[in-house]
Amino acid sequence: DLYDEFNYGAKSPWALRDFLTRAYDNWSPQPRFVLLVGEASFDPRDYLGLGGLDLVPTKLVDTDFIKTASDDWFIDFNDDGLPEMAAGRLPVHSVEEAETMIGKIIAYEDVAGTMNDVLLV
């Protein structure tokens, strides 16, 4: 388990970042993309009592006014503001939602494929 290997079993965005860093530094070829599948919460411990799911945690980063969730933090290994990989997230709550979302993406790409032959000016 990723959390066992990289954070002593505790769920943490740091564990995911450490895993991705190790993969980037050691795998051949280097991974170029990461897809996070699962909802994240700005309140992972549910202090607000909203019951939000935090299946794949995100990192709250400082901005000028408040902290905000950022998946780019996971893939900016040297903290220079430029990600080393491309990242995306499917914010799903269940396997069924993931299957539905992936089905819609595939269906869109099948239809959008014909748009590659058209130019609208």
PDB file of N, CA and C in Angstrom:
ATOM      1  N   ASP A   1       0.844  -1.187   0.000  1.00  0.00           N
ATOM      2  CA  ASP A   1       0.000   0.000   0.000  1.00  0.00           C
ATOM      3  C   ASP A   1       0.887   1.248   0.000  1.00  0.00           C
ATOM      4  N   LEU A   2       0.494   2.205  -0.786  1.00  0.00           N
ATOM      5  CA  LEU A   2       1.272   3.430  -0.959  1.00  0.00           C
ATOM      6  C   LEU A   2       1.497   4.151   0.372  1.00  0.00           C
ATOM      7  N   TYR A   3       0.463   4.238   1.191  1.00  0.00           N
ATOM      8  CA  TYR A   3       0.606   4.954   2.461  1.00  0.00           C
ATOM      9  C   TYR A   3       1.499   4.188   3.434  1.00  0.00           C
ATOM     10  N   ASP A   4       1.462   2.856   3.394  1.00  0.00           N
ATOM     11  CA  ASP A   4       2.358   2.062   4.237  1.00  0.00           C
ATOM     12  C   ASP A   4       3.813   2.279   3.836  1.00  0.00           C
ATOM     13  N   GLU A   5       4.050   2.280   2.549  1.00  0.00           N
ATOM     14  CA  GLU A   5       5.419   2.387   2.035  1.00  0.00           C
ATOM     15  C   GLU A   5       6.018   3.779   2.226  1.00  0.00           C
ATOM     16  N   PHE A   6       5.201   4.816   2.090  1.00  0.00           N
ATOM     17  CA  PHE A   6       5.747   6.175   2.049  1.00  0.00           C
ATOM     18  C   PHE A   6       5.330   7.071   3.217  1.00  0.00           C
ATOM     19  N   ASN A   7       4.460   6.592   4.124  1.00  0.00           N
ATOM     20  CA  ASN A   7       4.073   7.457   5.246  1.00  0.00           C
ATOM     21  C   ASN A   7       3.635   6.649   6.468  1.00  0.00           C
ATOM     22  N   TYR A   8       4.261   5.502   6.686  1.00  0.00           N
ATOM     23  CA  TYR A   8       4.004   4.682   7.867  1.00  0.00           C
ATOM     24  C   TYR A   8       2.532   4.332   8.033  1.00  0.00           C
ATOM     25  N   GLY A   9       1.807   4.210   6.931  1.00  0.00           N
ATOM     26  CA  GLY A   9       0.406   3.806   6.966  1.00  0.00           C
ATOM     27  C   GLY A   9      -0.591   4.935   7.107  1.00  0.00           C
ATOM     28  N   ALA A  10      -0.117   6.150   7.331  1.00  0.00           N
ATOM     29  CA  ALA A  10      -1.025   7.289   7.497  1.00  0.00           C
ATOM     30  C   ALA A  10      -1.321   7.925   6.141  1.00  0.00           C
ATOM     31  N   LYS A  11      -2.603   8.229   5.915  1.00  0.00           N
ATOM     32  CA  LYS A  11      -3.016   8.873   4.669  1.00  0.00           C
ATOM     33  C   LYS A  11      -2.500  10.312   4.645  1.00  0.00           C
ATOM     34  N   SER A  12      -1.814  10.656   3.561  1.00  0.00           N
ATOM     35  CA  SER A  12      -1.207  11.981   3.480  1.00  0.00           C
ATOM     36  C   SER A  12      -0.886  12.319   2.030  1.00  0.00           C
ATOM     37  N   PRO A  13      -1.044  13.586   1.640  1.00  0.00           N
ATOM     38  CA  PRO A  13      -0.608  13.969   0.298  1.00  0.00           C
ATOM     39  C   PRO A  13       0.903  13.814   0.122  1.00  0.00           C
ATOM     40  N   TRP A  14       1.658  13.902   1.209  1.00  0.00           N
ATOM     41  CA  TRP A  14       3.110  13.749   1.123  1.00  0.00           C
ATOM     42  C   TRP A  14       3.487  12.350   0.645  1.00  0.00           C
ATOM     43  N   ALA A  15       2.733  11.337   1.063  1.00  0.00           N
ATOM     44  CA  ALA A  15       3.019   9.966   0.632  1.00  0.00           C
ATOM     45  C   ALA A  15       2.873   9.843  -0.877  1.00  0.00           C
ATOM     46  N   LEU A  16       1.817  10.425  -1.412  1.00  0.00           N
ATOM     47  CA  LEU A  16       1.596  10.373  -2.853  1.00  0.00           C
ATOM     48  C   LEU A  16       2.699  11.125  -3.597  1.00  0.00           C
ATOM     49  N   ARG A  17       3.083  12.280  -3.082  1.00  0.00           N
ATOM     50  CA  ARG A  17       4.154  13.043  -3.735  1.00  0.00           C
ATOM     51  C   ARG A  17       5.478  12.284  -3.680  1.00  0.00           C
ATOM     52  N   ASP A  18       5.770  11.676  -2.535  1.00  0.00           N
ATOM     53  CA  ASP A  18       7.009  10.910  -2.419  1.00  0.00           C
ATOM     54  C   ASP A  18       7.026   9.730  -3.388  1.00  0.00           C
ATOM     55  N   PHE A  19       5.883   9.058  -3.542  1.00  0.00           N
ATOM     56  CA  PHE A  19       5.792   7.961  -4.506  1.00  0.00           C
ATOM     57  C   PHE A  19       6.038   8.463  -5.925  1.00  0.00           C
ATOM     58  N   LEU A  20       5.370   9.560  -6.295  1.00  0.00           N
ATOM     59  CA  LEU A  20       5.530  10.095  -7.647  1.00  0.00           C
ATOM     60  C   LEU A  20       6.962  10.565  -7.897  1.00  0.00           C
ATOM     61  N   THR A  21       7.581  11.149  -6.882  1.00  0.00           N
ATOM     62  CA  THR A  21       8.974  11.581  -7.009  1.00  0.00           C
ATOM     63  C   THR A  21       9.882  10.381  -7.238  1.00  0.00           C
ATOM     64  N   ARG A  22       9.671   9.328  -6.462  1.00  0.00           N
ATOM     65  CA  ARG A  22      10.495   8.135  -6.630  1.00  0.00           C
ATOM     66  C   ARG A  22      10.290   7.524  -8.015  1.00  0.00           C
ATOM     67  N   ALA A  23       9.037   7.465  -8.452  1.00  0.00           N
ATOM     68  CA  ALA A  23       8.755   6.918  -9.781  1.00  0.00           C
ATOM     69  C   ALA A  23       9.442   7.754 -10.854  1.00  0.00           C
ATOM     70  N   TYR A  24       9.354   9.058 -10.738  1.00  0.00           N
ATOM     71  CA  TYR A  24       9.958   9.958 -11.727  1.00  0.00           C
ATOM     72  C   TYR A  24      11.481   9.814 -11.749  1.00  0.00           C
ATOM     73  N   ASP A  25      12.069   9.667 -10.577  1.00  0.00           N
ATOM     74  CA  ASP A  25      13.526   9.586 -10.486  1.00  0.00           C
ATOM     75  C   ASP A  25      14.090   8.221 -10.876  1.00  0.00           C
ATOM     76  N   ASN A  26      13.298   7.153 -10.736  1.00  0.00           N
ATOM     77  CA  ASN A  26      13.853   5.809 -10.877  1.00  0.00           C
ATOM     78  C   ASN A  26      13.294   4.963 -12.009  1.00  0.00           C
ATOM     79  N   TRP A  27      12.101   5.254 -12.489  1.00  0.00           N
ATOM     80  CA  TRP A  27      11.516   4.411 -13.535  1.00  0.00           C
ATOM     81  C   TRP A  27      12.098   4.777 -14.888  1.00  0.00           C
ATOM     82  N   SER A  28      12.188   3.769 -15.730  1.00  0.00           N
ATOM     83  CA  SER A  28      12.615   4.006 -17.100  1.00  0.00           C
ATOM     84  C   SER A  28      11.636   3.304 -18.029  1.00  0.00           C
ATOM     85  N   PRO A  29      10.955   4.045 -18.868  1.00  0.00           N
ATOM     86  CA  PRO A  29      11.028   5.491 -19.031  1.00  0.00           C
ATOM     87  C   PRO A  29      10.329   6.217 -17.881  1.00  0.00           C
ATOM     88  N   GLN A  30      10.674   7.482 -17.724  1.00  0.00           N
ATOM     89  CA  GLN A  30      10.033   8.298 -16.691  1.00  0.00           C
ATOM     90  C   GLN A  30       8.554   8.463 -17.011  1.00  0.00           C
ATOM     91  N   PRO A  31       7.705   8.390 -15.986  1.00  0.00           N
ATOM     92  CA  PRO A  31       6.287   8.677 -16.241  1.00  0.00           C
ATOM     93  C   PRO A  31       6.115  10.132 -16.660  1.00  0.00           C
ATOM     94  N   ARG A  32       5.207  10.352 -17.608  1.00  0.00           N
ATOM     95  CA  ARG A  32       4.947  11.712 -18.084  1.00  0.00           C
ATOM     96  C   ARG A  32       3.587  12.221 -17.644  1.00  0.00           C
ATOM     97  N   PHE A  33       2.716  11.318 -17.229  1.00  0.00           N
ATOM     98  CA  PHE A  33       1.351  11.678 -16.862  1.00  0.00           C
ATOM     99  C   PHE A  33       0.973  10.975 -15.568  1.00  0.00           C
ATOM    100  N   VAL A  34       0.093  11.604 -14.806  1.00  0.00           N
ATOM    101  CA  VAL A  34      -0.494  10.954 -13.637  1.00  0.00           C
ATOM    102  C   VAL A  34      -1.974  11.305 -13.618  1.00  0.00           C
ATOM    103  N   LEU A  35      -2.799  10.307 -13.384  1.00  0.00           N
ATOM    104  CA  LEU A  35      -4.239  10.509 -13.272  1.00  0.00           C
ATOM    105  C   LEU A  35      -4.659  10.096 -11.872  1.00  0.00           C
ATOM    106  N   LEU A  36      -5.142  11.055 -11.107  1.00  0.00           N
ATOM    107  CA  LEU A  36      -5.645  10.791  -9.764  1.00  0.00           C
ATOM    108  C   LEU A  36      -7.129  10.480  -9.879  1.00  0.00           C
ATOM    109  N   VAL A  37      -7.536   9.342  -9.359  1.00  0.00           N
ATOM    110  CA  VAL A  37      -8.931   8.925  -9.459  1.00  0.00           C
ATOM    111  C   VAL A  37      -9.499   8.866  -8.053  1.00  0.00           C
ATOM    112  N   GLY A  38     -10.328   9.848  -7.717  1.00  0.00           N
ATOM    113  CA  GLY A  38     -10.947   9.925  -6.403  1.00  0.00           C
ATOM    114  C   GLY A  38     -11.092  11.363  -5.955  1.00  0.00           C
ATOM    115  N   GLU A  39     -12.160  11.617  -5.231  1.00  0.00           N
ATOM    116  CA  GLU A  39     -12.457  12.950  -4.715  1.00  0.00           C
ATOM    117  C   GLU A  39     -11.441  13.348  -3.650  1.00  0.00           C
ATOM    118  N   ALA A  40     -11.159  14.625  -3.572  1.00  0.00           N
ATOM    119  CA  ALA A  40     -10.330  15.191  -2.510  1.00  0.00           C
ATOM    120  C   ALA A  40     -11.176  16.196  -1.744  1.00  0.00           C
ATOM    121  N   SER A  41     -10.753  16.503  -0.538  1.00  0.00           N
ATOM    122  CA  SER A  41     -11.501  17.439   0.293  1.00  0.00           C
ATOM    123  C   SER A  41     -10.564  18.506   0.836  1.00  0.00           C
ATOM    124  N   PHE A  42     -11.073  19.735   0.932  1.00  0.00           N
ATOM    125  CA  PHE A  42     -10.298  20.794   1.579  1.00  0.00           C
ATOM    126  C   PHE A  42     -10.373  20.650   3.094  1.00  0.00           C
ATOM    127  N   ASP A  43     -11.199  19.721   3.569  1.00  0.00           N
ATOM    128  CA  ASP A  43     -11.367  19.452   4.999  1.00  0.00           C
ATOM    129  C   ASP A  43     -11.254  17.942   5.234  1.00  0.00           C
ATOM    130  N   PRO A  44     -10.057  17.371   5.055  1.00  0.00           N
ATOM    131  CA  PRO A  44      -9.931  15.916   5.107  1.00  0.00           C
ATOM    132  C   PRO A  44     -10.264  15.291   6.458  1.00  0.00           C
ATOM    133  N   ARG A  45     -10.177  16.042   7.529  1.00  0.00           N
ATOM    134  CA  ARG A  45     -10.520  15.497   8.850  1.00  0.00           C
ATOM    135  C   ARG A  45     -11.958  15.810   9.248  1.00  0.00           C
ATOM    136  N   ASP A  46     -12.696  16.436   8.342  1.00  0.00           N
ATOM    137  CA  ASP A  46     -14.116  16.744   8.523  1.00  0.00           C
ATOM    138  C   ASP A  46     -14.374  17.607   9.763  1.00  0.00           C
ATOM    139  N   TYR A  47     -13.513  18.577   9.985  1.00  0.00           N
ATOM    140  CA  TYR A  47     -13.717  19.507  11.093  1.00  0.00           C
ATOM    141  C   TYR A  47     -15.000  20.316  10.915  1.00  0.00           C
ATOM    142  N   LEU A  48     -15.366  20.602   9.669  1.00  0.00           N
ATOM    143  CA  LEU A  48     -16.565  21.391   9.402  1.00  0.00           C
ATOM    144  C   LEU A  48     -17.836  20.561   9.477  1.00  0.00           C
ATOM    145  N   GLY A  49     -17.696  19.247   9.572  1.00  0.00           N
ATOM    146  CA  GLY A  49     -18.864  18.382   9.691  1.00  0.00           C
ATOM    147  C   GLY A  49     -19.668  18.245   8.416  1.00  0.00           C
ATOM    148  N   LEU A  50     -19.036  18.471   7.276  1.00  0.00           N
ATOM    149  CA  LEU A  50     -19.749  18.375   6.007  1.00  0.00           C
ATOM    150  C   LEU A  50     -19.719  16.966   5.434  1.00  0.00           C
ATOM    151  N   GLY A  51     -18.913  16.096   6.017  1.00  0.00           N
ATOM    152  CA  GLY A  51     -18.857  14.715   5.579  1.00  0.00           C
ATOM    153  C   GLY A  51     -18.263  14.523   4.206  1.00  0.00           C
ATOM    154  N   GLY A  52     -17.389  15.431   3.781  1.00  0.00           N
ATOM    155  CA  GLY A  52     -16.787  15.318   2.459  1.00  0.00           C
ATOM    156  C   GLY A  52     -15.850  14.128   2.361  1.00  0.00           C
ATOM    157  N   LEU A  53     -15.858  13.486   1.214  1.00  0.00           N
ATOM    158  CA  LEU A  53     -14.958  12.364   0.983  1.00  0.00           C
ATOM    159  C   LEU A  53     -13.567  12.870   0.650  1.00  0.00           C
ATOM    160  N   ASP A  54     -12.587  12.127   1.090  1.00  0.00           N
ATOM    161  CA  ASP A  54     -11.201  12.445   0.787  1.00  0.00           C
ATOM    162  C   ASP A  54     -10.517  11.149   0.364  1.00  0.00           C
ATOM    163  N   LEU A  55     -10.890  10.648  -0.813  1.00  0.00           N
ATOM    164  CA  LEU A  55     -10.378   9.363  -1.271  1.00  0.00           C
ATOM    165  C   LEU A  55      -8.922   9.443  -1.695  1.00  0.00           C
ATOM    166  N   VAL A  56      -8.571  10.473  -2.441  1.00  0.00           N
ATOM    167  CA  VAL A  56      -7.185  10.719  -2.849  1.00  0.00           C
ATOM    168  C   VAL A  56      -6.878  12.140  -2.401  1.00  0.00           C
ATOM    169  N   PRO A  57      -6.099  12.295  -1.333  1.00  0.00           N
ATOM    170  CA  PRO A  57      -5.922  13.633  -0.763  1.00  0.00           C
ATOM    171  C   PRO A  57      -5.235  14.590  -1.723  1.00  0.00           C
ATOM    172  N   THR A  58      -5.469  15.854  -1.473  1.00  0.00           N
ATOM    173  CA  THR A  58      -4.781  16.906  -2.210  1.00  0.00           C
ATOM    174  C   THR A  58      -3.993  17.734  -1.209  1.00  0.00           C
ATOM    175  N   LYS A  59      -3.180  18.619  -1.687  1.00  0.00           N
ATOM    176  CA  LYS A  59      -2.387  19.491  -0.821  1.00  0.00           C
ATOM    177  C   LYS A  59      -3.003  20.875  -0.832  1.00  0.00           C
ATOM    178  N   LEU A  60      -3.161  21.453   0.334  1.00  0.00           N
ATOM    179  CA  LEU A  60      -3.608  22.838   0.433  1.00  0.00           C
ATOM    180  C   LEU A  60      -2.369  23.725   0.402  1.00  0.00           C
ATOM    181  N   VAL A  61      -2.320  24.602  -0.583  1.00  0.00           N
ATOM    182  CA  VAL A  61      -1.165  25.483  -0.745  1.00  0.00           C
ATOM    183  C   VAL A  61      -1.580  26.917  -0.451  1.00  0.00           C
ATOM    184  N   ASP A  62      -0.624  27.694   0.018  1.00  0.00           N
ATOM    185  CA  ASP A  62      -0.890  29.094   0.345  1.00  0.00           C
ATOM    186  C   ASP A  62      -1.025  29.925  -0.923  1.00  0.00           C
ATOM    187  N   THR A  63      -2.005  30.817  -0.910  1.00  0.00           N
ATOM    188  CA  THR A  63      -2.148  31.832  -1.950  1.00  0.00           C
ATOM    189  C   THR A  63      -2.120  33.183  -1.245  1.00  0.00           C
ATOM    190  N   ASP A  64      -2.383  34.248  -1.960  1.00  0.00           N
ATOM    191  CA  ASP A  64      -2.345  35.574  -1.344  1.00  0.00           C
ATOM    192  C   ASP A  64      -3.389  35.740  -0.248  1.00  0.00           C
ATOM    193  N   PHE A  65      -4.541  35.064  -0.379  1.00  0.00           N
ATOM    194  CA  PHE A  65      -5.630  35.296   0.564  1.00  0.00           C
ATOM    195  C   PHE A  65      -5.981  34.073   1.404  1.00  0.00           C
ATOM    196  N   ILE A  66      -6.012  32.901   0.801  1.00  0.00           N
ATOM    197  CA  ILE A  66      -6.417  31.686   1.521  1.00  0.00           C
ATOM    198  C   ILE A  66      -5.576  30.515   1.025  1.00  0.00           C
ATOM    199  N   LYS A  67      -5.767  29.383   1.655  1.00  0.00           N
ATOM    200  CA  LYS A  67      -5.184  28.155   1.133  1.00  0.00           C
ATOM    201  C   LYS A  67      -6.147  27.568   0.120  1.00  0.00           C
ATOM    202  N   THR A  68      -5.587  26.938  -0.907  1.00  0.00           N
ATOM    203  CA  THR A  68      -6.418  26.317  -1.927  1.00  0.00           C
ATOM    204  C   THR A  68      -5.822  24.967  -2.308  1.00  0.00           C
ATOM    205  N   ALA A  69      -6.682  24.080  -2.774  1.00  0.00           N
ATOM    206  CA  ALA A  69      -6.235  22.747  -3.169  1.00  0.00           C
ATOM    207  C   ALA A  69      -5.421  22.823  -4.453  1.00  0.00           C
ATOM    208  N   SER A  70      -4.354  22.020  -4.510  1.00  0.00           N
ATOM    209  CA  SER A  70      -3.512  22.004  -5.706  1.00  0.00           C
ATOM    210  C   SER A  70      -2.972  20.606  -5.956  1.00  0.00           C
ATOM    211  N   ASP A  71      -3.332  20.050  -7.104  1.00  0.00           N
ATOM    212  CA  ASP A  71      -2.735  18.784  -7.514  1.00  0.00           C
ATOM    213  C   ASP A  71      -1.406  19.009  -8.219  1.00  0.00           C
ATOM    214  N   ASP A  72      -1.141  20.229  -8.678  1.00  0.00           N
ATOM    215  CA  ASP A  72       0.151  20.528  -9.299  1.00  0.00           C
ATOM    216  C   ASP A  72       1.294  20.358  -8.305  1.00  0.00           C
ATOM    217  N   TRP A  73       1.013  20.579  -7.039  1.00  0.00           N
ATOM    218  CA  TRP A  73       2.032  20.419  -6.003  1.00  0.00           C
ATOM    219  C   TRP A  73       2.627  19.012  -6.034  1.00  0.00           C
ATOM    220  N   PHE A  74       1.809  18.005  -6.350  1.00  0.00           N
ATOM    221  CA  PHE A  74       2.286  16.625  -6.378  1.00  0.00           C
ATOM    222  C   PHE A  74       3.402  16.415  -7.391  1.00  0.00           C
ATOM    223  N   ILE A  75       3.377  17.148  -8.487  1.00  0.00           N
ATOM    224  CA  ILE A  75       4.270  16.867  -9.608  1.00  0.00           C
ATOM    225  C   ILE A  75       5.301  17.967  -9.857  1.00  0.00           C
ATOM    226  N   ASP A  76       5.375  18.934  -8.956  1.00  0.00           N
ATOM    227  CA  ASP A  76       6.416  19.964  -9.020  1.00  0.00           C
ATOM    228  C   ASP A  76       7.497  19.558  -8.020  1.00  0.00           C
ATOM    229  N   PHE A  77       8.306  18.580  -8.395  1.00  0.00           N
ATOM    230  CA  PHE A  77       9.226  17.938  -7.464  1.00  0.00           C
ATOM    231  C   PHE A  77      10.317  18.860  -6.951  1.00  0.00           C
ATOM    232  N   ASN A  78      10.734  19.836  -7.744  1.00  0.00           N
ATOM    233  CA  ASN A  78      11.800  20.736  -7.299  1.00  0.00           C
ATOM    234  C   ASN A  78      11.269  22.108  -6.872  1.00  0.00           C
ATOM    235  N   ASP A  79       9.958  22.237  -6.748  1.00  0.00           N
ATOM    236  CA  ASP A  79       9.316  23.465  -6.244  1.00  0.00           C
ATOM    237  C   ASP A  79       9.705  24.719  -7.027  1.00  0.00           C
ATOM    238  N   ASP A  80       9.855  24.579  -8.342  1.00  0.00           N
ATOM    239  CA  ASP A  80      10.177  25.745  -9.160  1.00  0.00           C
ATOM    240  C   ASP A  80       8.944  26.335  -9.844  1.00  0.00           C
ATOM    241  N   GLY A  81       7.768  25.799  -9.544  1.00  0.00           N
ATOM    242  CA  GLY A  81       6.538  26.301 -10.141  1.00  0.00           C
ATOM    243  C   GLY A  81       6.199  25.668 -11.478  1.00  0.00           C
ATOM    244  N   LEU A  82       7.063  24.786 -11.965  1.00  0.00           N
ATOM    245  CA  LEU A  82       6.829  24.094 -13.239  1.00  0.00           C
ATOM    246  C   LEU A  82       6.720  22.595 -12.978  1.00  0.00           C
ATOM    247  N   PRO A  83       5.580  21.999 -13.277  1.00  0.00           N
ATOM    248  CA  PRO A  83       5.420  20.565 -13.005  1.00  0.00           C
ATOM    249  C   PRO A  83       6.300  19.713 -13.917  1.00  0.00           C
ATOM    250  N   GLU A  84       6.799  18.623 -13.365  1.00  0.00           N
ATOM    251  CA  GLU A  84       7.627  17.698 -14.133  1.00  0.00           C
ATOM    252  C   GLU A  84       6.784  16.701 -14.933  1.00  0.00           C
ATOM    253  N   MET A  85       5.514  16.564 -14.600  1.00  0.00           N
ATOM    254  CA  MET A  85       4.605  15.654 -15.289  1.00  0.00           C
ATOM    255  C   MET A  85       3.276  16.374 -15.483  1.00  0.00           C
ATOM    256  N   ALA A  86       2.447  15.830 -16.346  1.00  0.00           N
ATOM    257  CA  ALA A  86       1.084  16.352 -16.507  1.00  0.00           C
ATOM    258  C   ALA A  86       0.175  15.584 -15.552  1.00  0.00           C
ATOM    259  N   ALA A  87      -0.750  16.294 -14.909  1.00  0.00           N
ATOM    260  CA  ALA A  87      -1.643  15.649 -13.948  1.00  0.00           C
ATOM    261  C   ALA A  87      -3.090  15.968 -14.260  1.00  0.00           C
ATOM    262  N   GLY A  88      -3.936  15.034 -13.940  1.00  0.00           N
ATOM    263  CA  GLY A  88      -5.377  15.215 -14.047  1.00  0.00           C
ATOM    264  C   GLY A  88      -6.045  14.493 -12.895  1.00  0.00           C
ATOM    265  N   ARG A  89      -7.302  14.806 -12.671  1.00  0.00           N
ATOM    266  CA  ARG A  89      -8.045  14.151 -11.593  1.00  0.00           C
ATOM    267  C   ARG A  89      -9.466  13.884 -12.052  1.00  0.00           C
ATOM    268  N   LEU A  90      -9.944  12.687 -11.749  1.00  0.00           N
ATOM    269  CA  LEU A  90     -11.357  12.353 -11.902  1.00  0.00           C
ATOM    270  C   LEU A  90     -11.937  12.366 -10.491  1.00  0.00           C
ATOM    271  N   PRO A  91     -12.686  13.407 -10.124  1.00  0.00           N
ATOM    272  CA  PRO A  91     -13.168  13.544  -8.746  1.00  0.00           C
ATOM    273  C   PRO A  91     -14.404  12.687  -8.482  1.00  0.00           C
ATOM    274  N   VAL A  92     -14.206  11.384  -8.381  1.00  0.00           N
ATOM    275  CA  VAL A  92     -15.320  10.450  -8.223  1.00  0.00           C
ATOM    276  C   VAL A  92     -15.403   9.952  -6.789  1.00  0.00           C
ATOM    277  N   HIS A  93     -16.609   9.477  -6.433  1.00  0.00           N
ATOM    278  CA  HIS A  93     -16.854   8.951  -5.092  1.00  0.00           C
ATOM    279  C   HIS A  93     -16.919   7.437  -5.051  1.00  0.00           C
ATOM    280  N   SER A  94     -17.018   6.782  -6.216  1.00  0.00           N
ATOM    281  CA  SER A  94     -17.185   5.330  -6.245  1.00  0.00           C
ATOM    282  C   SER A  94     -16.665   4.769  -7.564  1.00  0.00           C
ATOM    283  N   VAL A  95     -16.550   3.451  -7.604  1.00  0.00           N
ATOM    284  CA  VAL A  95     -16.132   2.773  -8.830  1.00  0.00           C
ATOM    285  C   VAL A  95     -17.154   3.016  -9.931  1.00  0.00           C
ATOM    286  N   GLU A  96     -18.434   3.005  -9.559  1.00  0.00           N
ATOM    287  CA  GLU A  96     -19.490   3.225 -10.550  1.00  0.00           C
ATOM    288  C   GLU A  96     -19.372   4.612 -11.181  1.00  0.00           C
ATOM    289  N   GLU A  97     -19.110   5.625 -10.367  1.00  0.00           N
ATOM    290  CA  GLU A  97     -18.923   6.975 -10.904  1.00  0.00           C
ATOM    291  C   GLU A  97     -17.700   7.033 -11.814  1.00  0.00           C
ATOM    292  N   ALA A  98     -16.641   6.334 -11.439  1.00  0.00           N
ATOM    293  CA  ALA A  98     -15.435   6.316 -12.273  1.00  0.00           C
ATOM    294  C   ALA A  98     -15.734   5.673 -13.623  1.00  0.00           C
ATOM    295  N   GLU A  99     -16.453   4.549 -13.609  1.00  0.00           N
ATOM    296  CA  GLU A  99     -16.798   3.879 -14.865  1.00  0.00           C
ATOM    297  C   GLU A  99     -17.656   4.777 -15.746  1.00  0.00           C
ATOM    298  N   THR A 100     -18.615   5.480 -15.140  1.00  0.00           N
ATOM    299  CA  THR A 100     -19.475   6.389 -15.900  1.00  0.00           C
ATOM    300  C   THR A 100     -18.662   7.528 -16.500  1.00  0.00           C
ATOM    301  N   MET A 101     -17.788   8.134 -15.695  1.00  0.00           N
ATOM    302  CA  MET A 101     -16.987   9.256 -16.175  1.00  0.00           C
ATOM    303  C   MET A 101     -16.040   8.825 -17.290  1.00  0.00           C
ATOM    304  N   ILE A 102     -15.398   7.687 -17.127  1.00  0.00           N
ATOM    305  CA  ILE A 102     -14.481   7.193 -18.157  1.00  0.00           C
ATOM    306  C   ILE A 102     -15.247   6.875 -19.435  1.00  0.00           C
ATOM    307  N   GLY A 103     -16.440   6.293 -19.294  1.00  0.00           N
ATOM    308  CA  GLY A 103     -17.277   6.025 -20.466  1.00  0.00           C
ATOM    309  C   GLY A 103     -17.629   7.294 -21.215  1.00  0.00           C
ATOM    310  N   LYS A 104     -17.949   8.355 -20.488  1.00  0.00           N
ATOM    311  CA  LYS A 104     -18.273   9.637 -21.124  1.00  0.00           C
ATOM    312  C   LYS A 104     -17.052  10.240 -21.821  1.00  0.00           C
ATOM    313  N   ILE A 105     -15.887  10.106 -21.211  1.00  0.00           N
ATOM    314  CA  ILE A 105     -14.666  10.630 -21.832  1.00  0.00           C
ATOM    315  C   ILE A 105     -14.383   9.897 -23.136  1.00  0.00           C
ATOM    316  N   ILE A 106     -14.500   8.580 -23.106  1.00  0.00           N
ATOM    317  CA  ILE A 106     -14.257   7.786 -24.314  1.00  0.00           C
ATOM    318  C   ILE A 106     -15.273   8.131 -25.393  1.00  0.00           C
ATOM    319  N   ALA A 107     -16.545   8.263 -25.004  1.00  0.00           N
ATOM    320  CA  ALA A 107     -17.582   8.617 -25.980  1.00  0.00           C
ATOM    321  C   ALA A 107     -17.310   9.993 -26.578  1.00  0.00           C
ATOM    322  N   TYR A 108     -16.891  10.943 -25.768  1.00  0.00           N
ATOM    323  CA  TYR A 108     -16.571  12.283 -26.263  1.00  0.00           C
ATOM    324  C   TYR A 108     -15.407  12.231 -27.246  1.00  0.00           C
ATOM    325  N   GLU A 109     -14.370  11.479 -26.895  1.00  0.00           N
ATOM    326  CA  GLU A 109     -13.209  11.400 -27.781  1.00  0.00           C
ATOM    327  C   GLU A 109     -13.562  10.745 -29.107  1.00  0.00           C
ATOM    328  N   ASP A 110     -14.470   9.774 -29.092  1.00  0.00           N
ATOM    329  CA  ASP A 110     -14.895   9.141 -30.342  1.00  0.00           C
ATOM    330  C   ASP A 110     -15.588  10.149 -31.250  1.00  0.00           C
ATOM    331  N   VAL A 111     -16.448  10.980 -30.670  1.00  0.00           N
ATOM    332  CA  VAL A 111     -17.157  11.997 -31.452  1.00  0.00           C
ATOM    333  C   VAL A 111     -16.211  13.134 -31.820  1.00  0.00           C
ATOM    334  N   ALA A 112     -15.401  13.564 -30.863  1.00  0.00           N
ATOM    335  CA  ALA A 112     -14.487  14.683 -31.103  1.00  0.00           C
ATOM    336  C   ALA A 112     -13.422  14.329 -32.129  1.00  0.00           C
ATOM    337  N   GLY A 113     -13.176  13.037 -32.332  1.00  0.00           N
ATOM    338  CA  GLY A 113     -12.186  12.626 -33.317  1.00  0.00           C
ATOM    339  C   GLY A 113     -12.514  13.134 -34.704  1.00  0.00           C
ATOM    340  N   THR A 114     -13.797  13.245 -35.022  1.00  0.00           N
ATOM    341  CA  THR A 114     -14.181  13.762 -36.333  1.00  0.00           C
ATOM    342  C   THR A 114     -13.916  15.259 -36.424  1.00  0.00           C
ATOM    343  N   MET A 115     -13.826  15.930 -35.289  1.00  0.00           N
ATOM    344  CA  MET A 115     -13.566  17.369 -35.290  1.00  0.00           C
ATOM    345  C   MET A 115     -12.133  17.675 -35.720  1.00  0.00           C
ATOM    346  N   ASN A 116     -11.257  16.689 -35.668  1.00  0.00           N
ATOM    347  CA  ASN A 116      -9.880  16.911 -36.112  1.00  0.00           C
ATOM    348  C   ASN A 116      -9.806  17.165 -37.611  1.00  0.00           C
ATOM    349  N   ASP A 117     -10.860  16.792 -38.329  1.00  0.00           N
ATOM    350  CA  ASP A 117     -10.888  16.970 -39.779  1.00  0.00           C
ATOM    351  C   ASP A 117     -11.554  18.273 -40.195  1.00  0.00           C
ATOM    352  N   VAL A 118     -12.005  19.067 -39.227  1.00  0.00           N
ATOM    353  CA  VAL A 118     -12.776  20.272 -39.532  1.00  0.00           C
ATOM    354  C   VAL A 118     -12.071  21.484 -38.931  1.00  0.00           C
ATOM    355  N   LEU A 119     -12.065  22.570 -39.667  1.00  0.00           N
ATOM    356  CA  LEU A 119     -11.523  23.824 -39.161  1.00  0.00           C
ATOM    357  C   LEU A 119     -12.582  24.891 -39.331  1.00  0.00           C
ATOM    358  N   LEU A 120     -12.953  25.529 -38.244  1.00  0.00           N
ATOM    359  CA  LEU A 120     -13.941  26.599 -38.279  1.00  0.00           C
ATOM    360  C   LEU A 120     -13.202  27.916 -38.102  1.00  0.00           C
ATOM    361  N   VAL A 121     -13.370  28.817 -39.067  1.00  0.00           N
ATOM    362  CA  VAL A 121     -12.669  30.097 -39.013  1.00  0.00           C
ATOM    363  C   VAL A 121     -13.686  31.203 -38.846  1.00  0.00           C
TER     364      VAL A 121
END
